[in-house]
PDB file of N, CA and C in Angstrom:
ATOM      1  N   UNK A   1     -81.325 168.778 159.368  1.00  0.00           N
ATOM      2  CA  UNK A   1     -82.255 168.416 160.400  1.00  0.00           C
ATOM      3  C   UNK A   1     -81.798 167.102 161.010  1.00  0.00           C
ATOM      4  N   UNK A   2     -81.726 167.054 162.313  1.00  0.00           N
ATOM      5  CA  UNK A   2     -81.249 165.861 163.013  1.00  0.00           C
ATOM      6  C   UNK A   2     -82.447 165.041 163.464  1.00  0.00           C
ATOM      7  N   UNK A   3     -82.501 163.799 162.994  1.00  0.00           N
ATOM      8  CA  UNK A   3     -83.578 162.896 163.346  1.00  0.00           C
ATOM      9  C   UNK A   3     -83.066 161.839 164.309  1.00  0.00           C
ATOM     10  N   UNK A   4     -83.882 161.460 165.254  1.00  0.00           N
ATOM     11  CA  UNK A   4     -83.581 160.312 166.109  1.00  0.00           C
ATOM     12  C   UNK A   4     -84.834 159.461 166.221  1.00  0.00           C
ATOM     13  N   UNK A   5     -84.641 158.172 166.492  1.00  0.00           N
ATOM     14  CA  UNK A   5     -85.771 157.284 166.714  1.00  0.00           C
ATOM     15  C   UNK A   5     -86.259 157.424 168.145  1.00  0.00           C
ATOM     16  N   UNK A   6     -87.472 157.022 168.381  1.00  0.00           N
ATOM     17  CA  UNK A   6     -88.037 157.088 169.731  1.00  0.00           C
ATOM     18  C   UNK A   6     -87.102 156.410 170.729  1.00  0.00           C
ATOM     19  N   UNK A   7     -86.601 155.220 170.374  1.00  0.00           N
ATOM     20  CA  UNK A   7     -85.727 154.494 171.291  1.00  0.00           C
ATOM     21  C   UNK A   7     -84.390 155.207 171.444  1.00  0.00           C
ATOM     22  N   UNK A   8     -83.815 155.708 170.319  1.00  0.00           N
ATOM     23  CA  UNK A   8     -82.525 156.392 170.376  1.00  0.00           C
ATOM     24  C   UNK A   8     -82.596 157.631 171.258  1.00  0.00           C
ATOM     25  N   UNK A   9     -83.635 158.419 171.086  1.00  0.00           N
ATOM     26  CA  UNK A   9     -83.759 159.666 171.834  1.00  0.00           C
ATOM     27  C   UNK A   9     -83.901 159.437 173.323  1.00  0.00           C
ATOM     28  N   UNK A  10     -84.751 158.520 173.700  1.00  0.00           N
ATOM     29  CA  UNK A  10     -84.949 158.233 175.123  1.00  0.00           C
ATOM     30  C   UNK A  10     -83.719 157.534 175.707  1.00  0.00           C
ATOM     31  N   UNK A  11     -83.054 156.722 174.881  1.00  0.00           N
ATOM     32  CA  UNK A  11     -81.847 156.023 175.318  1.00  0.00           C
ATOM     33  C   UNK A  11     -80.761 157.016 175.712  1.00  0.00           C
ATOM     34  N   UNK A  12     -80.697 158.147 175.006  1.00  0.00           N
ATOM     35  CA  UNK A  12     -79.681 159.157 175.320  1.00  0.00           C
ATOM     36  C   UNK A  12     -79.852 159.688 176.741  1.00  0.00           C
ATOM     37  N   UNK A  13     -81.048 159.620 177.258  1.00  0.00           N
ATOM     38  CA  UNK A  13     -81.278 160.078 178.625  1.00  0.00           C
ATOM     39  C   UNK A  13     -80.568 159.190 179.643  1.00  0.00           C
ATOM     40  N   UNK A  14     -80.223 157.969 179.234  1.00  0.00           N
ATOM     41  CA  UNK A  14     -79.545 157.033 180.141  1.00  0.00           C
ATOM     42  C   UNK A  14     -78.027 157.053 179.958  1.00  0.00           C
ATOM     43  N   UNK A  15     -77.508 157.925 179.098  1.00  0.00           N
ATOM     44  CA  UNK A  15     -76.059 158.016 178.901  1.00  0.00           C
ATOM     45  C   UNK A  15     -75.397 158.447 180.209  1.00  0.00           C
ATOM     46  N   UNK A  16     -74.133 158.119 180.321  1.00  0.00           N
ATOM     47  CA  UNK A  16     -73.374 158.556 181.497  1.00  0.00           C
ATOM     48  C   UNK A  16     -73.230 160.074 181.459  1.00  0.00           C
ATOM     49  N   UNK A  17     -73.042 160.706 182.606  1.00  0.00           N
ATOM     50  CA  UNK A  17     -72.839 162.162 182.625  1.00  0.00           C
ATOM     51  C   UNK A  17     -71.668 162.600 181.730  1.00  0.00           C
ATOM     52  N   UNK A  18     -70.594 161.799 181.692  1.00  0.00           N
ATOM     53  CA  UNK A  18     -69.446 162.160 180.860  1.00  0.00           C
ATOM     54  C   UNK A  18     -69.798 162.077 179.372  1.00  0.00           C
ATOM     55  N   UNK A  19     -70.573 161.064 178.977  1.00  0.00           N
ATOM     56  CA  UNK A  19     -70.980 160.951 177.575  1.00  0.00           C
ATOM     57  C   UNK A  19     -71.855 162.137 177.169  1.00  0.00           C
ATOM     58  N   UNK A  20     -72.742 162.556 178.049  1.00  0.00           N
ATOM     59  CA  UNK A  20     -73.591 163.720 177.758  1.00  0.00           C
ATOM     60  C   UNK A  20     -72.730 164.969 177.647  1.00  0.00           C
ATOM     61  N   UNK A  21     -71.779 165.144 178.570  1.00  0.00           N
ATOM     62  CA  UNK A  21     -70.865 166.288 178.521  1.00  0.00           C
ATOM     63  C   UNK A  21     -70.080 166.293 177.209  1.00  0.00           C
ATOM     64  N   UNK A  22     -69.575 165.132 176.802  1.00  0.00           N
ATOM     65  CA  UNK A  22     -68.809 165.041 175.555  1.00  0.00           C
ATOM     66  C   UNK A  22     -69.655 165.449 174.349  1.00  0.00           C
ATOM     67  N   UNK A  23     -70.907 164.987 174.310  1.00  0.00           N
ATOM     68  CA  UNK A  23     -71.793 165.324 173.204  1.00  0.00           C
ATOM     69  C   UNK A  23     -72.076 166.824 173.188  1.00  0.00           C
ATOM     70  N   UNK A  24     -72.351 167.412 174.341  1.00  0.00           N
ATOM     71  CA  UNK A  24     -72.637 168.851 174.416  1.00  0.00           C
ATOM     72  C   UNK A  24     -71.413 169.659 174.003  1.00  0.00           C
ATOM     73  N   UNK A  25     -70.237 169.269 174.464  1.00  0.00           N
ATOM     74  CA  UNK A  25     -69.010 169.977 174.081  1.00  0.00           C
ATOM     75  C   UNK A  25     -68.776 169.882 172.581  1.00  0.00           C
ATOM     76  N   UNK A  26     -69.029 168.714 171.994  1.00  0.00           N
ATOM     77  CA  UNK A  26     -68.898 168.548 170.545  1.00  0.00           C
ATOM     78  C   UNK A  26     -69.845 169.509 169.827  1.00  0.00           C
ATOM     79  N   UNK A  27     -71.114 169.522 170.257  1.00  0.00           N
ATOM     80  CA  UNK A  27     -72.111 170.370 169.590  1.00  0.00           C
ATOM     81  C   UNK A  27     -71.733 171.846 169.687  1.00  0.00           C
ATOM     82  N   UNK A  28     -71.270 172.278 170.849  1.00  0.00           N
ATOM     83  CA  UNK A  28     -70.873 173.679 171.011  1.00  0.00           C
ATOM     84  C   UNK A  28     -69.679 174.025 170.115  1.00  0.00           C
ATOM     85  N   UNK A  29     -68.687 173.138 170.053  1.00  0.00           N
ATOM     86  CA  UNK A  29     -67.522 173.373 169.193  1.00  0.00           C
ATOM     87  C   UNK A  29     -67.936 173.370 167.725  1.00  0.00           C
ATOM     88  N   UNK A  30     -68.830 172.467 167.358  1.00  0.00           N
ATOM     89  CA  UNK A  30     -69.337 172.395 165.987  1.00  0.00           C
ATOM     90  C   UNK A  30     -70.056 173.690 165.615  1.00  0.00           C
ATOM     91  N   UNK A  31     -70.915 174.174 166.499  1.00  0.00           N
ATOM     92  CA  UNK A  31     -71.623 175.428 166.249  1.00  0.00           C
ATOM     93  C   UNK A  31     -70.643 176.599 166.122  1.00  0.00           C
ATOM     94  N   UNK A  32     -69.629 176.646 167.005  1.00  0.00           N
ATOM     95  CA  UNK A  32     -68.612 177.719 166.922  1.00  0.00           C
ATOM     96  C   UNK A  32     -67.878 177.670 165.594  1.00  0.00           C
ATOM     97  N   UNK A  33     -67.532 176.474 165.143  1.00  0.00           N
ATOM     98  CA  UNK A  33     -66.844 176.326 163.865  1.00  0.00           C
ATOM     99  C   UNK A  33     -67.694 176.879 162.720  1.00  0.00           C
ATOM    100  N   UNK A  34     -68.979 176.549 162.713  1.00  0.00           N
ATOM    101  CA  UNK A  34     -69.874 177.062 161.673  1.00  0.00           C
ATOM    102  C   UNK A  34     -69.988 178.585 161.753  1.00  0.00           C
ATOM    103  N   UNK A  35     -70.046 179.119 162.977  1.00  0.00           N
ATOM    104  CA  UNK A  35     -70.110 180.576 163.152  1.00  0.00           C
ATOM    105  C   UNK A  35     -68.822 181.236 162.662  1.00  0.00           C
ATOM    106  N   UNK A  36     -67.670 180.686 163.038  1.00  0.00           N
ATOM    107  CA  UNK A  36     -66.386 181.255 162.624  1.00  0.00           C
ATOM    108  C   UNK A  36     -66.203 181.195 161.113  1.00  0.00           C
ATOM    109  N   UNK A  37     -66.750 180.158 160.459  1.00  0.00           N
ATOM    110  CA  UNK A  37     -66.678 180.037 159.006  1.00  0.00           C
ATOM    111  C   UNK A  37     -67.692 180.932 158.303  1.00  0.00           C
ATOM    112  N   UNK A  38     -68.568 181.590 159.077  1.00  0.00           N
ATOM    113  CA  UNK A  38     -69.601 182.432 158.486  1.00  0.00           C
ATOM    114  C   UNK A  38     -70.724 181.632 157.852  1.00  0.00           C
ATOM    115  N   UNK A  39     -70.849 180.357 158.226  1.00  0.00           N
ATOM    116  CA  UNK A  39     -71.866 179.498 157.615  1.00  0.00           C
ATOM    117  C   UNK A  39     -73.126 179.356 158.469  1.00  0.00           C
ATOM    118  N   UNK A  40     -73.038 179.623 159.760  1.00  0.00           N
ATOM    119  CA  UNK A  40     -74.196 179.467 160.639  1.00  0.00           C
ATOM    120  C   UNK A  40     -75.181 180.607 160.416  1.00  0.00           C
ATOM    121  N   UNK A  41     -76.419 180.250 160.151  1.00  0.00           N
ATOM    122  CA  UNK A  41     -77.500 181.229 160.069  1.00  0.00           C
ATOM    123  C   UNK A  41     -78.326 181.144 161.343  1.00  0.00           C
ATOM    124  N   UNK A  42     -78.715 179.916 161.707  1.00  0.00           N
ATOM    125  CA  UNK A  42     -79.565 179.711 162.878  1.00  0.00           C
ATOM    126  C   UNK A  42     -79.567 178.224 163.211  1.00  0.00           C
ATOM    127  N   UNK A  43     -79.684 177.900 164.487  1.00  0.00           N
ATOM    128  CA  UNK A  43     -79.854 176.507 164.892  1.00  0.00           C
ATOM    129  C   UNK A  43     -80.672 176.452 166.172  1.00  0.00           C
ATOM    130  N   UNK A  44     -81.292 175.306 166.396  1.00  0.00           N
ATOM    131  CA  UNK A  44     -82.089 175.130 167.609  1.00  0.00           C
ATOM    132  C   UNK A  44     -82.360 173.656 167.840  1.00  0.00           C
ATOM    133  N   UNK A  45     -82.496 173.300 169.105  1.00  0.00           N
ATOM    134  CA  UNK A  45     -82.966 171.980 169.479  1.00  0.00           C
ATOM    135  C   UNK A  45     -84.468 172.060 169.712  1.00  0.00           C
ATOM    136  N   UNK A  46     -85.126 170.940 169.604  1.00  0.00           N
ATOM    137  CA  UNK A  46     -86.574 170.892 169.781  1.00  0.00           C
ATOM    138  C   UNK A  46     -86.932 169.972 170.944  1.00  0.00           C
ATOM    139  N   UNK A  47     -88.084 170.201 171.539  1.00  0.00           N
ATOM    140  CA  UNK A  47     -88.534 169.371 172.654  1.00  0.00           C
ATOM    141  C   UNK A  47     -88.997 168.010 172.135  1.00  0.00           C
ATOM    142  N   UNK A  48     -89.300 167.118 173.054  1.00  0.00           N
ATOM    143  CA  UNK A  48     -89.741 165.766 172.694  1.00  0.00           C
ATOM    144  C   UNK A  48     -91.091 165.829 171.981  1.00  0.00           C
ATOM    145  N   UNK A  49     -91.378 164.859 171.127  1.00  0.00           N
ATOM    146  CA  UNK A  49     -92.617 164.873 170.343  1.00  0.00           C
ATOM    147  C   UNK A  49     -93.884 164.904 171.179  1.00  0.00           C
ATOM    148  N   UNK A  50     -93.849 164.401 172.413  1.00  0.00           N
ATOM    149  CA  UNK A  50     -95.069 164.420 173.222  1.00  0.00           C
ATOM    150  C   UNK A  50     -95.478 165.834 173.615  1.00  0.00           C
ATOM    151  N   UNK A  51     -94.624 166.810 173.345  1.00  0.00           N
ATOM    152  CA  UNK A  51     -94.975 168.202 173.614  1.00  0.00           C
ATOM    153  C   UNK A  51     -95.455 168.933 172.361  1.00  0.00           C
ATOM    154  N   UNK A  52     -95.434 168.248 171.206  1.00  0.00           N
ATOM    155  CA  UNK A  52     -95.883 168.863 169.952  1.00  0.00           C
ATOM    156  C   UNK A  52     -97.405 168.971 169.930  1.00  0.00           C
ATOM    157  N   UNK A  53     -97.885 170.040 169.331  1.00  0.00           N
ATOM    158  CA  UNK A  53     -99.319 170.250 169.158  1.00  0.00           C
ATOM    159  C   UNK A  53     -99.580 170.675 167.727  1.00  0.00           C
ATOM    160  N   UNK A  54    -100.715 170.247 167.205  1.00  0.00           N
ATOM    161  CA  UNK A  54    -101.184 170.666 165.884  1.00  0.00           C
ATOM    162  C   UNK A  54    -102.288 171.687 166.122  1.00  0.00           C
ATOM    163  N   UNK A  55    -102.179 172.822 165.463  1.00  0.00           N
ATOM    164  CA  UNK A  55    -103.177 173.889 165.614  1.00  0.00           C
ATOM    165  C   UNK A  55    -103.781 174.159 164.240  1.00  0.00           C
ATOM    166  N   UNK A  56    -105.102 174.188 164.203  1.00  0.00           N
ATOM    167  CA  UNK A  56    -105.828 174.491 162.966  1.00  0.00           C
ATOM    168  C   UNK A  56    -106.797 175.639 163.204  1.00  0.00           C
ATOM    169  N   UNK A  57    -107.011 176.393 162.160  1.00  0.00           N
ATOM    170  CA  UNK A  57    -108.007 177.460 162.177  1.00  0.00           C
ATOM    171  C   UNK A  57    -109.373 176.830 161.967  1.00  0.00           C
ATOM    172  N   UNK A  58    -110.341 177.217 162.792  1.00  0.00           N
ATOM    173  CA  UNK A  58    -111.712 176.726 162.644  1.00  0.00           C
ATOM    174  C   UNK A  58    -112.662 177.854 162.999  1.00  0.00           C
ATOM    175  N   UNK A  59    -112.997 178.678 162.014  1.00  0.00           N
ATOM    176  CA  UNK A  59    -113.939 179.767 162.232  1.00  0.00           C
ATOM    177  C   UNK A  59    -113.442 180.813 163.212  1.00  0.00           C
ATOM    178  N   UNK A  60    -112.153 181.041 163.246  1.00  0.00           N
ATOM    179  CA  UNK A  60    -111.584 182.041 164.131  1.00  0.00           C
ATOM    180  C   UNK A  60    -111.138 181.506 165.476  1.00  0.00           C
ATOM    181  N   UNK A  61    -111.369 180.224 165.709  1.00  0.00           N
ATOM    182  CA  UNK A  61    -111.003 179.611 166.977  1.00  0.00           C
ATOM    183  C   UNK A  61    -109.868 178.613 166.727  1.00  0.00           C
ATOM    184  N   UNK A  62    -108.781 178.700 167.513  1.00  0.00           N
ATOM    185  CA  UNK A  62    -107.736 177.697 167.337  1.00  0.00           C
ATOM    186  C   UNK A  62    -108.184 176.349 167.895  1.00  0.00           C
ATOM    187  N   UNK A  63    -108.057 175.302 167.078  1.00  0.00           N
ATOM    188  CA  UNK A  63    -108.345 173.949 167.508  1.00  0.00           C
ATOM    189  C   UNK A  63    -106.991 173.269 167.689  1.00  0.00           C
ATOM    190  N   UNK A  64    -106.714 172.818 168.897  1.00  0.00           N
ATOM    191  CA  UNK A  64    -105.410 172.264 169.252  1.00  0.00           C
ATOM    192  C   UNK A  64    -105.558 170.777 169.547  1.00  0.00           C
ATOM    193  N   UNK A  65    -104.714 169.973 168.890  1.00  0.00           N
ATOM    194  CA  UNK A  65    -104.696 168.533 169.132  1.00  0.00           C
ATOM    195  C   UNK A  65    -103.247 168.089 169.332  1.00  0.00           C
ATOM    196  N   UNK A  66    -103.076 166.924 169.946  1.00  0.00           N
ATOM    197  CA  UNK A  66    -101.741 166.349 170.064  1.00  0.00           C
ATOM    198  C   UNK A  66    -101.228 166.029 168.674  1.00  0.00           C
ATOM    199  N   UNK A  67     -99.938 166.009 168.542  1.00  0.00           N
ATOM    200  CA  UNK A  67     -99.418 165.659 167.234  1.00  0.00           C
ATOM    201  C   UNK A  67     -97.962 166.002 167.143  1.00  0.00           C
ATOM    202  N   UNK A  68     -97.377 165.846 165.997  1.00  0.00           N
ATOM    203  CA  UNK A  68     -98.057 165.562 164.748  1.00  0.00           C
ATOM    204  C   UNK A  68     -98.298 164.080 164.476  1.00  0.00           C
ATOM    205  N   UNK A  69     -97.389 163.211 164.852  1.00  0.00           N
ATOM    206  CA  UNK A  69     -97.495 161.801 164.491  1.00  0.00           C
ATOM    207  C   UNK A  69     -97.178 160.937 165.708  1.00  0.00           C
ATOM    208  N   UNK A  70     -98.127 160.733 166.595  1.00  0.00           N
ATOM    209  CA  UNK A  70     -97.829 159.994 167.825  1.00  0.00           C
ATOM    210  C   UNK A  70     -97.336 158.573 167.574  1.00  0.00           C
ATOM    211  N   UNK A  71     -97.713 157.977 166.444  1.00  0.00           N
ATOM    212  CA  UNK A  71     -97.270 156.611 166.170  1.00  0.00           C
ATOM    213  C   UNK A  71     -95.909 156.569 165.483  1.00  0.00           C
ATOM    214  N   UNK A  72     -95.355 157.710 165.135  1.00  0.00           N
ATOM    215  CA  UNK A  72     -94.077 157.752 164.420  1.00  0.00           C
ATOM    216  C   UNK A  72     -92.924 157.215 165.248  1.00  0.00           C
ATOM    217  N   UNK A  73     -91.959 156.617 164.575  1.00  0.00           N
ATOM    218  CA  UNK A  73     -90.796 156.051 165.249  1.00  0.00           C
ATOM    219  C   UNK A  73     -89.622 157.024 165.258  1.00  0.00           C
ATOM    220  N   UNK A  74     -89.573 157.954 164.295  1.00  0.00           N
ATOM    221  CA  UNK A  74     -88.490 158.929 164.244  1.00  0.00           C
ATOM    222  C   UNK A  74     -89.078 160.325 164.409  1.00  0.00           C
ATOM    223  N   UNK A  75     -88.247 161.220 164.935  1.00  0.00           N
ATOM    224  CA  UNK A  75     -88.709 162.585 165.087  1.00  0.00           C
ATOM    225  C   UNK A  75     -87.546 163.542 164.952  1.00  0.00           C
ATOM    226  N   UNK A  76     -87.871 164.780 164.661  1.00  0.00           N
ATOM    227  CA  UNK A  76     -86.885 165.835 164.501  1.00  0.00           C
ATOM    228  C   UNK A  76     -86.490 166.350 165.874  1.00  0.00           C
ATOM    229  N   UNK A  77     -85.179 166.304 166.184  1.00  0.00           N
ATOM    230  CA  UNK A  77     -84.691 166.712 167.503  1.00  0.00           C
ATOM    231  C   UNK A  77     -84.014 168.077 167.453  1.00  0.00           C
ATOM    232  N   UNK A  78     -83.609 168.513 166.276  1.00  0.00           N
ATOM    233  CA  UNK A  78     -82.962 169.811 166.159  1.00  0.00           C
ATOM    234  C   UNK A  78     -82.605 170.092 164.718  1.00  0.00           C
ATOM    235  N   UNK A  79     -82.153 171.316 164.466  1.00  0.00           N
ATOM    236  CA  UNK A  79     -81.812 171.676 163.096  1.00  0.00           C
ATOM    237  C   UNK A  79     -80.793 172.801 163.071  1.00  0.00           C
ATOM    238  N   UNK A  80     -80.115 172.891 161.948  1.00  0.00           N
ATOM    239  CA  UNK A  80     -79.214 173.993 161.644  1.00  0.00           C
ATOM    240  C   UNK A  80     -79.664 174.571 160.312  1.00  0.00           C
ATOM    241  N   UNK A  81     -79.630 175.882 160.202  1.00  0.00           N
ATOM    242  CA  UNK A  81     -79.759 176.540 158.901  1.00  0.00           C
ATOM    243  C   UNK A  81     -78.387 177.119 158.630  1.00  0.00           C
ATOM    244  N   UNK A  82     -77.762 176.659 157.543  1.00  0.00           N
ATOM    245  CA  UNK A  82     -76.424 177.113 157.198  1.00  0.00           C
ATOM    246  C   UNK A  82     -76.441 177.735 155.813  1.00  0.00           C
ATOM    247  N   UNK A  83     -75.512 178.621 155.591  1.00  0.00           N
ATOM    248  CA  UNK A  83     -75.328 179.256 154.289  1.00  0.00           C
ATOM    249  C   UNK A  83     -73.947 178.841 153.815  1.00  0.00           C
ATOM    250  N   UNK A  84     -73.907 177.930 152.855  1.00  0.00           N
ATOM    251  CA  UNK A  84     -72.614 177.420 152.398  1.00  0.00           C
ATOM    252  C   UNK A  84     -72.550 177.451 150.872  1.00  0.00           C
ATOM    253  N   UNK A  85     -71.361 177.244 150.360  1.00  0.00           N
ATOM    254  CA  UNK A  85     -71.087 177.455 148.937  1.00  0.00           C
ATOM    255  C   UNK A  85     -71.658 176.384 148.013  1.00  0.00           C
ATOM    256  N   UNK A  86     -71.901 175.186 148.522  1.00  0.00           N
ATOM    257  CA  UNK A  86     -72.314 174.111 147.625  1.00  0.00           C
ATOM    258  C   UNK A  86     -73.055 173.019 148.382  1.00  0.00           C
ATOM    259  N   UNK A  87     -73.708 172.161 147.612  1.00  0.00           N
ATOM    260  CA  UNK A  87     -74.355 170.991 148.210  1.00  0.00           C
ATOM    261  C   UNK A  87     -73.311 170.086 148.845  1.00  0.00           C
ATOM    262  N   UNK A  88     -72.142 169.990 148.218  1.00  0.00           N
ATOM    263  CA  UNK A  88     -71.079 169.158 148.771  1.00  0.00           C
ATOM    264  C   UNK A  88     -70.676 169.646 150.162  1.00  0.00           C
ATOM    265  N   UNK A  89     -70.561 170.968 150.325  1.00  0.00           N
ATOM    266  CA  UNK A  89     -70.205 171.519 151.641  1.00  0.00           C
ATOM    267  C   UNK A  89     -71.319 171.237 152.641  1.00  0.00           C
ATOM    268  N   UNK A  90     -72.576 171.357 152.230  1.00  0.00           N
ATOM    269  CA  UNK A  90     -73.701 171.043 153.119  1.00  0.00           C
ATOM    270  C   UNK A  90     -73.623 169.586 153.566  1.00  0.00           C
ATOM    271  N   UNK A  91     -73.231 168.700 152.669  1.00  0.00           N
ATOM    272  CA  UNK A  91     -73.102 167.287 153.021  1.00  0.00           C
ATOM    273  C   UNK A  91     -71.947 167.064 153.996  1.00  0.00           C
ATOM    274  N   UNK A  92     -70.851 167.801 153.824  1.00  0.00           N
ATOM    275  CA  UNK A  92     -69.731 167.710 154.779  1.00  0.00           C
ATOM    276  C   UNK A  92     -70.173 168.152 156.168  1.00  0.00           C
ATOM    277  N   UNK A  93     -70.923 169.244 156.221  1.00  0.00           N
ATOM    278  CA  UNK A  93     -71.421 169.758 157.501  1.00  0.00           C
ATOM    279  C   UNK A  93     -72.343 168.720 158.154  1.00  0.00           C
ATOM    280  N   UNK A  94     -73.237 168.128 157.355  1.00  0.00           N
ATOM    281  CA  UNK A  94     -74.164 167.125 157.885  1.00  0.00           C
ATOM    282  C   UNK A  94     -73.418 165.897 158.398  1.00  0.00           C
ATOM    283  N   UNK A  95     -72.394 165.461 157.667  1.00  0.00           N
ATOM    284  CA  UNK A  95     -71.625 164.299 158.101  1.00  0.00           C
ATOM    285  C   UNK A  95     -70.923 164.580 159.426  1.00  0.00           C
ATOM    286  N   UNK A  96     -70.410 165.796 159.579  1.00  0.00           N
ATOM    287  CA  UNK A  96     -69.757 166.130 160.848  1.00  0.00           C
ATOM    288  C   UNK A  96     -70.779 166.142 161.983  1.00  0.00           C
ATOM    289  N   UNK A  97     -71.966 166.691 161.729  1.00  0.00           N
ATOM    290  CA  UNK A  97     -73.019 166.675 162.752  1.00  0.00           C
ATOM    291  C   UNK A  97     -73.368 165.243 163.135  1.00  0.00           C
ATOM    292  N   UNK A  98     -73.392 164.347 162.168  1.00  0.00           N
ATOM    293  CA  UNK A  98     -73.712 162.940 162.407  1.00  0.00           C
ATOM    294  C   UNK A  98     -72.632 162.224 163.209  1.00  0.00           C
ATOM    295  N   UNK A  99     -71.430 162.800 163.239  1.00  0.00           N
ATOM    296  CA  UNK A  99     -70.332 162.164 163.960  1.00  0.00           C
ATOM    297  C   UNK A  99     -70.303 162.524 165.442  1.00  0.00           C
ATOM    298  N   UNK A 100     -71.295 163.256 165.913  1.00  0.00           N
ATOM    299  CA  UNK A 100     -71.372 163.623 167.323  1.00  0.00           C
ATOM    300  C   UNK A 100     -71.171 162.387 168.195  1.00  0.00           C
ATOM    301  N   UNK A 101     -70.359 162.508 169.254  1.00  0.00           N
ATOM    302  CA  UNK A 101     -70.059 161.324 170.064  1.00  0.00           C
ATOM    303  C   UNK A 101     -71.246 160.867 170.909  1.00  0.00           C
ATOM    304  N   UNK A 102     -71.320 159.560 171.050  1.00  0.00           N
ATOM    305  CA  UNK A 102     -72.313 158.938 171.916  1.00  0.00           C
ATOM    306  C   UNK A 102     -71.614 158.195 173.037  1.00  0.00           C
ATOM    307  N   UNK A 103     -72.233 157.142 173.542  1.00  0.00           N
ATOM    308  CA  UNK A 103     -71.634 156.375 174.627  1.00  0.00           C
ATOM    309  C   UNK A 103     -70.228 155.880 174.266  1.00  0.00           C
ATOM    310  N   UNK A 104     -69.302 156.092 175.171  1.00  0.00           N
ATOM    311  CA  UNK A 104     -67.927 155.670 174.961  1.00  0.00           C
ATOM    312  C   UNK A 104     -67.188 156.470 173.916  1.00  0.00           C
ATOM    313  N   UNK A 105     -67.786 157.557 173.427  1.00  0.00           N
ATOM    314  CA  UNK A 105     -67.142 158.398 172.428  1.00  0.00           C
ATOM    315  C   UNK A 105     -67.351 157.948 170.999  1.00  0.00           C
ATOM    316  N   UNK A 106     -68.048 156.837 170.793  1.00  0.00           N
ATOM    317  CA  UNK A 106     -68.299 156.353 169.433  1.00  0.00           C
ATOM    318  C   UNK A 106     -69.245 157.309 168.710  1.00  0.00           C
ATOM    319  N   UNK A 107     -69.025 157.560 167.409  1.00  0.00           N
ATOM    320  CA  UNK A 107     -69.944 158.432 166.669  1.00  0.00           C
ATOM    321  C   UNK A 107     -71.366 157.883 166.703  1.00  0.00           C
ATOM    322  N   UNK A 108     -72.332 158.776 166.875  1.00  0.00           N
ATOM    323  CA  UNK A 108     -73.725 158.337 166.932  1.00  0.00           C
ATOM    324  C   UNK A 108     -74.267 157.971 165.555  1.00  0.00           C
ATOM    325  N   UNK A 109     -73.707 158.562 164.503  1.00  0.00           N
ATOM    326  CA  UNK A 109     -74.162 158.304 163.126  1.00  0.00           C
ATOM    327  C   UNK A 109     -75.657 158.591 162.975  1.00  0.00           C
ATOM    328  N   UNK A 110     -76.141 159.604 163.682  1.00  0.00           N
ATOM    329  CA  UNK A 110     -77.541 160.010 163.604  1.00  0.00           C
ATOM    330  C   UNK A 110     -77.830 160.499 162.188  1.00  0.00           C
ATOM    331  N   UNK A 111     -78.963 160.100 161.585  1.00  0.00           N
ATOM    332  CA  UNK A 111     -79.268 160.588 160.244  1.00  0.00           C
ATOM    333  C   UNK A 111     -79.516 162.097 160.254  1.00  0.00           C
ATOM    334  N   UNK A 112     -78.910 162.769 159.295  1.00  0.00           N
ATOM    335  CA  UNK A 112     -79.079 164.214 159.145  1.00  0.00           C
ATOM    336  C   UNK A 112     -79.714 164.464 157.782  1.00  0.00           C
ATOM    337  N   UNK A 113     -80.869 165.075 157.770  1.00  0.00           N
ATOM    338  CA  UNK A 113     -81.562 165.397 156.526  1.00  0.00           C
ATOM    339  C   UNK A 113     -81.057 166.739 156.023  1.00  0.00           C
ATOM    340  N   UNK A 114     -80.689 166.797 154.744  1.00  0.00           N
ATOM    341  CA  UNK A 114     -80.194 168.034 154.133  1.00  0.00           C
ATOM    342  C   UNK A 114     -81.155 168.431 153.027  1.00  0.00           C
ATOM    343  N   UNK A 115     -81.612 169.660 153.092  1.00  0.00           N
ATOM    344  CA  UNK A 115     -82.427 170.186 151.993  1.00  0.00           C
ATOM    345  C   UNK A 115     -82.313 171.692 151.952  1.00  0.00           C
ATOM    346  N   UNK A 116     -82.365 172.256 150.756  1.00  0.00           N
ATOM    347  CA  UNK A 116     -82.267 173.713 150.644  1.00  0.00           C
ATOM    348  C   UNK A 116     -83.541 174.387 151.135  1.00  0.00           C
ATOM    349  N   UNK A 117     -83.384 175.639 151.571  1.00  0.00           N
ATOM    350  CA  UNK A 117     -84.568 176.433 151.891  1.00  0.00           C
ATOM    351  C   UNK A 117     -85.284 176.778 150.589  1.00  0.00           C
ATOM    352  N   UNK A 118     -86.573 176.753 150.637  1.00  0.00           N
ATOM    353  CA  UNK A 118     -87.357 177.118 149.459  1.00  0.00           C
ATOM    354  C   UNK A 118     -87.447 178.635 149.375  1.00  0.00           C
ATOM    355  N   UNK A 119     -87.253 179.156 148.205  1.00  0.00           N
ATOM    356  CA  UNK A 119     -87.405 180.590 148.000  1.00  0.00           C
ATOM    357  C   UNK A 119     -88.856 180.927 147.747  1.00  0.00           C
ATOM    358  N   UNK A 120     -89.119 182.195 147.510  1.00  0.00           N
ATOM    359  CA  UNK A 120     -90.495 182.577 147.202  1.00  0.00           C
ATOM    360  C   UNK A 120     -90.921 181.966 145.876  1.00  0.00           C
ATOM    361  N   UNK A 121     -92.216 181.722 145.705  1.00  0.00           N
ATOM    362  CA  UNK A 121     -92.672 181.156 144.442  1.00  0.00           C
ATOM    363  C   UNK A 121     -92.417 182.129 143.293  1.00  0.00           C
ATOM    364  N   UNK A 122     -92.113 181.554 142.132  1.00  0.00           N
ATOM    365  CA  UNK A 122     -91.874 182.388 140.956  1.00  0.00           C
ATOM    366  C   UNK A 122     -93.212 182.696 140.309  1.00  0.00           C
ATOM    367  N   UNK A 123     -93.396 183.948 139.973  1.00  0.00           N
ATOM    368  CA  UNK A 123     -94.631 184.381 139.355  1.00  0.00           C
ATOM    369  C   UNK A 123     -94.282 184.848 137.946  1.00  0.00           C
ATOM    370  N   UNK A 124     -94.978 184.273 136.971  1.00  0.00           N
ATOM    371  CA  UNK A 124     -94.764 184.713 135.589  1.00  0.00           C
ATOM    372  C   UNK A 124     -95.440 186.054 135.396  1.00  0.00           C
ATOM    373  N   UNK A 125     -94.710 186.976 134.790  1.00  0.00           N
ATOM    374  CA  UNK A 125     -95.286 188.316 134.562  1.00  0.00           C
ATOM    375  C   UNK A 125     -95.804 188.452 133.168  1.00  0.00           C
TER     376      UNK A 125
END
């Protein structure tokens, strides 16, 4: 999961057109590499946090509020679900994602959260 801070995310909107192109080309090549290696399961980018909504069930009626954390400084901007052989490989993939170029081609070093998918709960028989 790729996290950015409020300032980092909005700052990217002010990048030069070439810096944005470089970042997009990197991401596309990175995704192709994961697909060619058979490791890509699914990936997606997410909209800005001001478009997030929290929905709760209340007697059959959806109650919708802004959210989830308007005061938060960091937010999830996108994610990859990969199927790889080890935690070490997952960390290599995350480090490469973090090396995505920013202004002037310097690596952005964006924090990437790595965690396994949870399986179904185990039921004792």
